[in-house]
PDB file of all heavy atoms in Angstrom:
ATOM      1  N   SER A   1       2.867  10.829  -8.403  1.00  0.00           N
ATOM      2  CA  SER A   1       3.229  11.806  -9.423  1.00  0.00           C
ATOM      3  C   SER A   1       2.273  11.758 -10.619  1.00  0.00           C
ATOM      4  O   SER A   1       2.318  12.649 -11.462  1.00  0.00           O
ATOM      5  CB  SER A   1       4.663  11.571  -9.903  1.00  0.00           C
ATOM      6  OG  SER A   1       4.807  10.259 -10.407  1.00  0.00           O
ATOM      7  N   ARG A   2       1.434  10.732 -10.680  1.00  0.00           N
ATOM      8  CA  ARG A   2       0.410  10.655 -11.709  1.00  0.00           C
ATOM      9  C   ARG A   2      -0.960  10.873 -11.097  1.00  0.00           C
ATOM     10  O   ARG A   2      -1.144  10.697  -9.892  1.00  0.00           O
ATOM     11  CB  ARG A   2       0.469   9.294 -12.417  1.00  0.00           C
ATOM     12  CG  ARG A   2       1.696   9.134 -13.290  1.00  0.00           C
ATOM     13  CD  ARG A   2       1.606   7.881 -14.129  1.00  0.00           C
ATOM     14  NE  ARG A   2       2.751   7.737 -15.012  1.00  0.00           N
ATOM     15  CZ  ARG A   2       2.812   8.209 -16.239  1.00  0.00           C
ATOM     16  NH1 ARG A   2       1.775   8.852 -16.735  1.00  0.00           N
ATOM     17  NH2 ARG A   2       3.885   8.036 -16.976  1.00  0.00           N
ATOM     18  N   SER A   3      -1.917  11.198 -11.942  1.00  0.00           N
ATOM     19  CA  SER A   3      -3.260  11.438 -11.450  1.00  0.00           C
ATOM     20  C   SER A   3      -3.795  10.204 -10.734  1.00  0.00           C
ATOM     21  O   SER A   3      -3.672   9.078 -11.226  1.00  0.00           O
ATOM     22  CB  SER A   3      -4.192  11.796 -12.608  1.00  0.00           C
ATOM     23  OG  SER A   3      -5.531  11.797 -12.166  1.00  0.00           O
ATOM     24  N   ILE A   4      -4.406  10.450  -9.605  1.00  0.00           N
ATOM     25  CA  ILE A   4      -4.952   9.342  -8.827  1.00  0.00           C
ATOM     26  C   ILE A   4      -6.101   8.669  -9.565  1.00  0.00           C
ATOM     27  O   ILE A   4      -6.419   7.506  -9.291  1.00  0.00           O
ATOM     28  CB  ILE A   4      -5.370   9.859  -7.427  1.00  0.00           C
ATOM     29  CG1 ILE A   4      -5.287   8.741  -6.393  1.00  0.00           C
ATOM     30  CG2 ILE A   4      -6.733  10.535  -7.453  1.00  0.00           C
ATOM     31  CD1 ILE A   4      -5.285   9.224  -4.973  1.00  0.00           C
ATOM     32  N   PHE A   5      -6.678   9.360 -10.529  1.00  0.00           N
ATOM     33  CA  PHE A   5      -7.746   8.760 -11.329  1.00  0.00           C
ATOM     34  C   PHE A   5      -7.212   7.653 -12.226  1.00  0.00           C
ATOM     35  O   PHE A   5      -7.964   6.790 -12.668  1.00  0.00           O
ATOM     36  CB  PHE A   5      -8.433   9.826 -12.193  1.00  0.00           C
ATOM     37  CG  PHE A   5      -9.325  10.738 -11.420  1.00  0.00           C
ATOM     38  CD1 PHE A   5      -9.039  12.091 -11.316  1.00  0.00           C
ATOM     39  CD2 PHE A   5     -10.457  10.253 -10.785  1.00  0.00           C
ATOM     40  CE1 PHE A   5      -9.858  12.940 -10.604  1.00  0.00           C
ATOM     41  CE2 PHE A   5     -11.286  11.097 -10.070  1.00  0.00           C
ATOM     42  CZ  PHE A   5     -10.987  12.448  -9.979  1.00  0.00           C
ATOM     43  N   SER A   6      -5.911   7.676 -12.497  1.00  0.00           N
ATOM     44  CA  SER A   6      -5.309   6.655 -13.357  1.00  0.00           C
ATOM     45  C   SER A   6      -4.830   5.437 -12.581  1.00  0.00           C
ATOM     46  O   SER A   6      -4.279   4.504 -13.168  1.00  0.00           O
ATOM     47  CB  SER A   6      -4.129   7.258 -14.126  1.00  0.00           C
ATOM     48  OG  SER A   6      -3.079   7.607 -13.252  1.00  0.00           O
ATOM     49  N   ILE A   7      -5.059   5.447 -11.262  1.00  0.00           N
ATOM     50  CA  ILE A   7      -4.563   4.368 -10.403  1.00  0.00           C
ATOM     51  C   ILE A   7      -5.748   3.683  -9.730  1.00  0.00           C
ATOM     52  O   ILE A   7      -6.493   4.314  -8.985  1.00  0.00           O
ATOM     53  CB  ILE A   7      -3.603   4.918  -9.331  1.00  0.00           C
ATOM     54  CG1 ILE A   7      -2.399   5.598 -10.002  1.00  0.00           C
ATOM     55  CG2 ILE A   7      -3.138   3.803  -8.412  1.00  0.00           C
ATOM     56  CD1 ILE A   7      -1.550   6.406  -9.045  1.00  0.00           C
ATOM     57  N   ASN A   8      -5.925   2.391 -10.008  1.00  0.00           N
ATOM     58  CA  ASN A   8      -7.048   1.658  -9.436  1.00  0.00           C
ATOM     59  C   ASN A   8      -6.668   0.817  -8.222  1.00  0.00           C
ATOM     60  O   ASN A   8      -7.540   0.345  -7.504  1.00  0.00           O
ATOM     61  CB  ASN A   8      -7.652   0.721 -10.489  1.00  0.00           C
ATOM     62  CG  ASN A   8      -8.308   1.484 -11.614  1.00  0.00           C
ATOM     63  OD1 ASN A   8      -8.988   2.483 -11.385  1.00  0.00           O
ATOM     64  ND2 ASN A   8      -8.109   1.034 -12.837  1.00  0.00           N
ATOM     65  N   ASP A   9      -5.387   0.633  -8.019  1.00  0.00           N
ATOM     66  CA  ASP A   9      -4.924  -0.278  -6.974  1.00  0.00           C
ATOM     67  C   ASP A   9      -3.860   0.458  -6.160  1.00  0.00           C
ATOM     68  O   ASP A   9      -2.778   0.749  -6.672  1.00  0.00           O
ATOM     69  CB  ASP A   9      -4.350  -1.539  -7.621  1.00  0.00           C
ATOM     70  CG  ASP A   9      -3.890  -2.580  -6.621  1.00  0.00           C
ATOM     71  OD1 ASP A   9      -3.874  -2.275  -5.406  1.00  0.00           O
ATOM     72  OD2 ASP A   9      -3.535  -3.689  -7.047  1.00  0.00           O
ATOM     73  N   MET A  10      -4.172   0.759  -4.917  1.00  0.00           N
ATOM     74  CA  MET A  10      -3.226   1.479  -4.063  1.00  0.00           C
ATOM     75  C   MET A  10      -3.384   0.970  -2.638  1.00  0.00           C
ATOM     76  O   MET A  10      -4.427   0.411  -2.276  1.00  0.00           O
ATOM     77  CB  MET A  10      -3.483   2.984  -4.141  1.00  0.00           C
ATOM     78  CG  MET A  10      -4.838   3.426  -3.664  1.00  0.00           C
ATOM     79  SD  MET A  10      -5.216   5.146  -4.076  1.00  0.00           S
ATOM     80  CE  MET A  10      -5.660   4.981  -5.798  1.00  0.00           C
ATOM     81  N   GLY A  11      -2.360   1.162  -1.841  1.00  0.00           N
ATOM     82  CA  GLY A  11      -2.474   0.662  -0.486  1.00  0.00           C
ATOM     83  C   GLY A  11      -1.331   1.057   0.413  1.00  0.00           C
ATOM     84  O   GLY A  11      -0.413   1.778   0.018  1.00  0.00           O
ATOM     85  N   TRP A  12      -1.443   0.572   1.626  1.00  0.00           N
ATOM     86  CA  TRP A  12      -0.458   0.828   2.672  1.00  0.00           C
ATOM     87  C   TRP A  12       0.047  -0.485   3.240  1.00  0.00           C
ATOM     88  O   TRP A  12      -0.741  -1.417   3.468  1.00  0.00           O
ATOM     89  CB  TRP A  12      -1.074   1.667   3.787  1.00  0.00           C
ATOM     90  CG  TRP A  12      -1.366   3.056   3.383  1.00  0.00           C
ATOM     91  CD1 TRP A  12      -2.543   3.549   2.890  1.00  0.00           C
ATOM     92  CD2 TRP A  12      -0.461   4.162   3.419  1.00  0.00           C
ATOM     93  NE1 TRP A  12      -2.423   4.883   2.609  1.00  0.00           N
ATOM     94  CE2 TRP A  12      -1.144   5.279   2.933  1.00  0.00           C
ATOM     95  CE3 TRP A  12       0.874   4.306   3.816  1.00  0.00           C
ATOM     96  CZ2 TRP A  12      -0.560   6.541   2.834  1.00  0.00           C
ATOM     97  CZ3 TRP A  12       1.463   5.559   3.717  1.00  0.00           C
ATOM     98  CH2 TRP A  12       0.759   6.656   3.237  1.00  0.00           C
ATOM     99  N   TYR A  13       1.337  -0.530   3.496  1.00  0.00           N
ATOM    100  CA  TYR A  13       1.998  -1.671   4.097  1.00  0.00           C
ATOM    101  C   TYR A  13       2.874  -1.157   5.228  1.00  0.00           C
ATOM    102  O   TYR A  13       3.168   0.045   5.289  1.00  0.00           O
ATOM    103  CB  TYR A  13       2.861  -2.397   3.053  1.00  0.00           C
ATOM    104  CG  TYR A  13       2.074  -3.014   1.933  1.00  0.00           C
ATOM    105  CD1 TYR A  13       1.460  -2.211   0.967  1.00  0.00           C
ATOM    106  CD2 TYR A  13       1.897  -4.386   1.840  1.00  0.00           C
ATOM    107  CE1 TYR A  13       0.707  -2.765  -0.055  1.00  0.00           C
ATOM    108  CE2 TYR A  13       1.150  -4.949   0.813  1.00  0.00           C
ATOM    109  CZ  TYR A  13       0.566  -4.132  -0.125  1.00  0.00           C
ATOM    110  OH  TYR A  13      -0.179  -4.688  -1.129  1.00  0.00           O
ATOM    111  N   ARG A  14       3.263  -2.064   6.092  1.00  0.00           N
ATOM    112  CA  ARG A  14       4.166  -1.645   7.154  1.00  0.00           C
ATOM    113  C   ARG A  14       5.173  -2.735   7.455  1.00  0.00           C
ATOM    114  O   ARG A  14       4.934  -3.913   7.215  1.00  0.00           O
ATOM    115  CB  ARG A  14       3.393  -1.293   8.432  1.00  0.00           C
ATOM    116  CG  ARG A  14       2.747  -2.477   9.131  1.00  0.00           C
ATOM    117  CD  ARG A  14       1.908  -2.014  10.307  1.00  0.00           C
ATOM    118  NE  ARG A  14       1.237  -3.133  10.980  1.00  0.00           N
ATOM    119  CZ  ARG A  14       0.278  -2.987  11.893  1.00  0.00           C
ATOM    120  NH1 ARG A  14      -0.121  -1.764  12.244  1.00  0.00           N
ATOM    121  NH2 ARG A  14      -0.264  -4.054  12.439  1.00  0.00           N
ATOM    122  N   GLN A  15       6.296  -2.280   7.954  1.00  0.00           N
ATOM    123  CA  GLN A  15       7.331  -3.211   8.388  1.00  0.00           C
ATOM    124  C   GLN A  15       7.654  -2.893   9.837  1.00  0.00           C
ATOM    125  O   GLN A  15       8.101  -1.782  10.163  1.00  0.00           O
ATOM    126  CB  GLN A  15       8.583  -3.090   7.526  1.00  0.00           C
ATOM    127  CG  GLN A  15       9.603  -4.155   7.819  1.00  0.00           C
ATOM    128  CD  GLN A  15      10.518  -4.430   6.639  1.00  0.00           C
ATOM    129  OE1 GLN A  15      10.623  -3.629   5.718  1.00  0.00           O
ATOM    130  NE2 GLN A  15      11.172  -5.572   6.652  1.00  0.00           N
ATOM    131  N   THR A  16       7.355  -3.849  10.690  1.00  0.00           N
ATOM    132  CA  THR A  16       7.638  -3.685  12.104  1.00  0.00           C
ATOM    133  C   THR A  16       8.888  -4.468  12.461  1.00  0.00           C
ATOM    134  O   THR A  16       9.334  -5.323  11.702  1.00  0.00           O
ATOM    135  CB  THR A  16       6.445  -4.143  12.946  1.00  0.00           C
ATOM    136  OG1 THR A  16       6.123  -5.489  12.599  1.00  0.00           O
ATOM    137  CG2 THR A  16       5.223  -3.279  12.674  1.00  0.00           C
ATOM    138  N   LEU A  17       9.436  -4.194  13.633  1.00  0.00           N
ATOM    139  CA  LEU A  17      10.720  -4.755  14.033  1.00  0.00           C
ATOM    140  C   LEU A  17      10.680  -6.279  14.005  1.00  0.00           C
ATOM    141  O   LEU A  17       9.818  -6.893  14.634  1.00  0.00           O
ATOM    142  CB  LEU A  17      11.085  -4.258  15.428  1.00  0.00           C
ATOM    143  CG  LEU A  17      12.520  -4.523  15.881  1.00  0.00           C
ATOM    144  CD1 LEU A  17      13.503  -3.800  14.975  1.00  0.00           C
ATOM    145  CD2 LEU A  17      12.701  -4.092  17.326  1.00  0.00           C
ATOM    146  N   GLY A  18      11.598  -6.862  13.261  1.00  0.00           N
ATOM    147  CA  GLY A  18      11.726  -8.311  13.225  1.00  0.00           C
ATOM    148  C   GLY A  18      10.733  -9.020  12.336  1.00  0.00           C
ATOM    149  O   GLY A  18      10.709 -10.251  12.297  1.00  0.00           O
ATOM    150  N   LYS A  19       9.908  -8.269  11.626  1.00  0.00           N
ATOM    151  CA  LYS A  19       8.904  -8.891  10.780  1.00  0.00           C
ATOM    152  C   LYS A  19       9.064  -8.434   9.330  1.00  0.00           C
ATOM    153  O   LYS A  19       9.661  -7.396   9.049  1.00  0.00           O
ATOM    154  CB  LYS A  19       7.499  -8.531  11.268  1.00  0.00           C
ATOM    155  CG  LYS A  19       7.149  -9.075  12.636  1.00  0.00           C
ATOM    156  CD  LYS A  19       5.703  -8.753  12.991  1.00  0.00           C
ATOM    157  CE  LYS A  19       5.335  -9.293  14.353  1.00  0.00           C
ATOM    158  NZ  LYS A  19       3.926  -8.974  14.703  1.00  0.00           N
ATOM    159  N   GLU A  20       8.502  -9.206   8.443  1.00  0.00           N
ATOM    160  CA  GLU A  20       8.495  -8.813   7.039  1.00  0.00           C
ATOM    161  C   GLU A  20       7.401  -7.779   6.804  1.00  0.00           C
ATOM    162  O   GLU A  20       6.478  -7.616   7.605  1.00  0.00           O
ATOM    163  CB  GLU A  20       8.257 -10.041   6.169  1.00  0.00           C
ATOM    164  CG  GLU A  20       9.383 -11.058   6.251  1.00  0.00           C
ATOM    165  CD  GLU A  20       9.272 -12.136   5.192  1.00  0.00           C
ATOM    166  OE1 GLU A  20       8.299 -12.112   4.418  1.00  0.00           O
ATOM    167  OE2 GLU A  20      10.166 -12.996   5.146  1.00  0.00           O
ATOM    168  N   ARG A  21       7.555  -7.099   5.672  1.00  0.00           N
ATOM    169  CA  ARG A  21       6.546  -6.104   5.322  1.00  0.00           C
ATOM    170  C   ARG A  21       5.185  -6.767   5.158  1.00  0.00           C
ATOM    171  O   ARG A  21       5.067  -7.819   4.525  1.00  0.00           O
ATOM    172  CB  ARG A  21       6.955  -5.401   4.024  1.00  0.00           C
ATOM    173  CG  ARG A  21       6.200  -4.133   3.733  1.00  0.00           C
ATOM    174  CD  ARG A  21       6.744  -3.444   2.493  1.00  0.00           C
ATOM    175  NE  ARG A  21       8.123  -3.021   2.677  1.00  0.00           N
ATOM    176  CZ  ARG A  21       8.795  -2.286   1.781  1.00  0.00           C
ATOM    177  NH1 ARG A  21       8.190  -1.915   0.654  1.00  0.00           N
ATOM    178  NH2 ARG A  21      10.040  -1.952   2.002  1.00  0.00           N
ATOM    179  N   GLU A  22       4.158  -6.146   5.734  1.00  0.00           N
ATOM    180  CA  GLU A  22       2.820  -6.742   5.707  1.00  0.00           C
ATOM    181  C   GLU A  22       1.800  -5.737   5.209  1.00  0.00           C
ATOM    182  O   GLU A  22       1.958  -4.521   5.375  1.00  0.00           O
ATOM    183  CB  GLU A  22       2.421  -7.209   7.118  1.00  0.00           C
ATOM    184  CG  GLU A  22       2.329  -6.099   8.141  1.00  0.00           C
ATOM    185  CD  GLU A  22       1.859  -6.577   9.505  1.00  0.00           C
ATOM    186  OE1 GLU A  22       1.526  -7.761   9.654  1.00  0.00           O
ATOM    187  OE2 GLU A  22       1.833  -5.735  10.432  1.00  0.00           O
ATOM    188  N   LEU A  23       0.746  -6.279   4.632  1.00  0.00           N
ATOM    189  CA  LEU A  23      -0.348  -5.438   4.157  1.00  0.00           C
ATOM    190  C   LEU A  23      -1.103  -4.853   5.333  1.00  0.00           C
ATOM    191  O   LEU A  23      -1.388  -5.553   6.311  1.00  0.00           O
ATOM    192  CB  LEU A  23      -1.292  -6.277   3.290  1.00  0.00           C
ATOM    193  CG  LEU A  23      -2.509  -5.596   2.680  1.00  0.00           C
ATOM    194  CD1 LEU A  23      -2.848  -6.268   1.362  1.00  0.00           C
ATOM    195  CD2 LEU A  23      -3.711  -5.634   3.600  1.00  0.00           C
ATOM    196  N   VAL A  24      -1.417  -3.583   5.241  1.00  0.00           N
ATOM    197  CA  VAL A  24      -2.245  -2.919   6.249  1.00  0.00           C
ATOM    198  C   VAL A  24      -3.634  -2.642   5.679  1.00  0.00           C
ATOM    199  O   VAL A  24      -4.647  -3.015   6.257  1.00  0.00           O
ATOM    200  CB  VAL A  24      -1.595  -1.613   6.726  1.00  0.00           C
ATOM    201  CG1 VAL A  24      -2.512  -0.890   7.712  1.00  0.00           C
ATOM    202  CG2 VAL A  24      -0.239  -1.879   7.363  1.00  0.00           C
ATOM    203  N   ALA A  25      -3.656  -1.965   4.540  1.00  0.00           N
ATOM    204  CA  ALA A  25      -4.927  -1.615   3.912  1.00  0.00           C
ATOM    205  C   ALA A  25      -4.696  -1.346   2.440  1.00  0.00           C
ATOM    206  O   ALA A  25      -3.687  -0.736   2.069  1.00  0.00           O
ATOM    207  CB  ALA A  25      -5.535  -0.376   4.574  1.00  0.00           C
ATOM    208  N   THR A  26      -5.613  -1.816   1.629  1.00  0.00           N
ATOM    209  CA  THR A  26      -5.550  -1.522   0.203  1.00  0.00           C
ATOM    210  C   THR A  26      -6.933  -1.142  -0.293  1.00  0.00           C
ATOM    211  O   THR A  26      -7.940  -1.457   0.348  1.00  0.00           O
ATOM    212  CB  THR A  26      -5.047  -2.719  -0.618  1.00  0.00           C
ATOM    213  OG1 THR A  26      -5.989  -3.790  -0.499  1.00  0.00           O
ATOM    214  CG2 THR A  26      -3.689  -3.196  -0.178  1.00  0.00           C
ATOM    215  N   VAL A  27      -6.953  -0.476  -1.423  1.00  0.00           N
ATOM    216  CA  VAL A  27      -8.215  -0.220  -2.104  1.00  0.00           C
ATOM    217  C   VAL A  27      -7.998  -0.517  -3.578  1.00  0.00           C
ATOM    218  O   VAL A  27      -7.057  -0.019  -4.201  1.00  0.00           O
ATOM    219  CB  VAL A  27      -8.723   1.223  -1.861  1.00  0.00           C
ATOM    220  CG1 VAL A  27      -7.728   2.257  -2.309  1.00  0.00           C
ATOM    221  CG2 VAL A  27     -10.075   1.425  -2.507  1.00  0.00           C
ATOM    222  N   ASN A  28      -8.843  -1.384  -4.104  1.00  0.00           N
ATOM    223  CA  ASN A  28      -8.736  -1.832  -5.483  1.00  0.00           C
ATOM    224  C   ASN A  28     -10.086  -1.628  -6.150  1.00  0.00           C
ATOM    225  O   ASN A  28     -11.084  -2.201  -5.695  1.00  0.00           O
ATOM    226  CB  ASN A  28      -8.316  -3.305  -5.523  1.00  0.00           C
ATOM    227  CG  ASN A  28      -7.924  -3.754  -6.917  1.00  0.00           C
ATOM    228  OD1 ASN A  28      -8.413  -3.228  -7.908  1.00  0.00           O
ATOM    229  ND2 ASN A  28      -7.065  -4.729  -7.006  1.00  0.00           N
TER     230      ASN A  28
END
């Protein structure tokens, strides 16, 4: 909801069956 120019740290995580949420990809 804010400009992407104001965000330096963003990423994707996933939660698969029986596992905790894990990092997939980030950009900082």
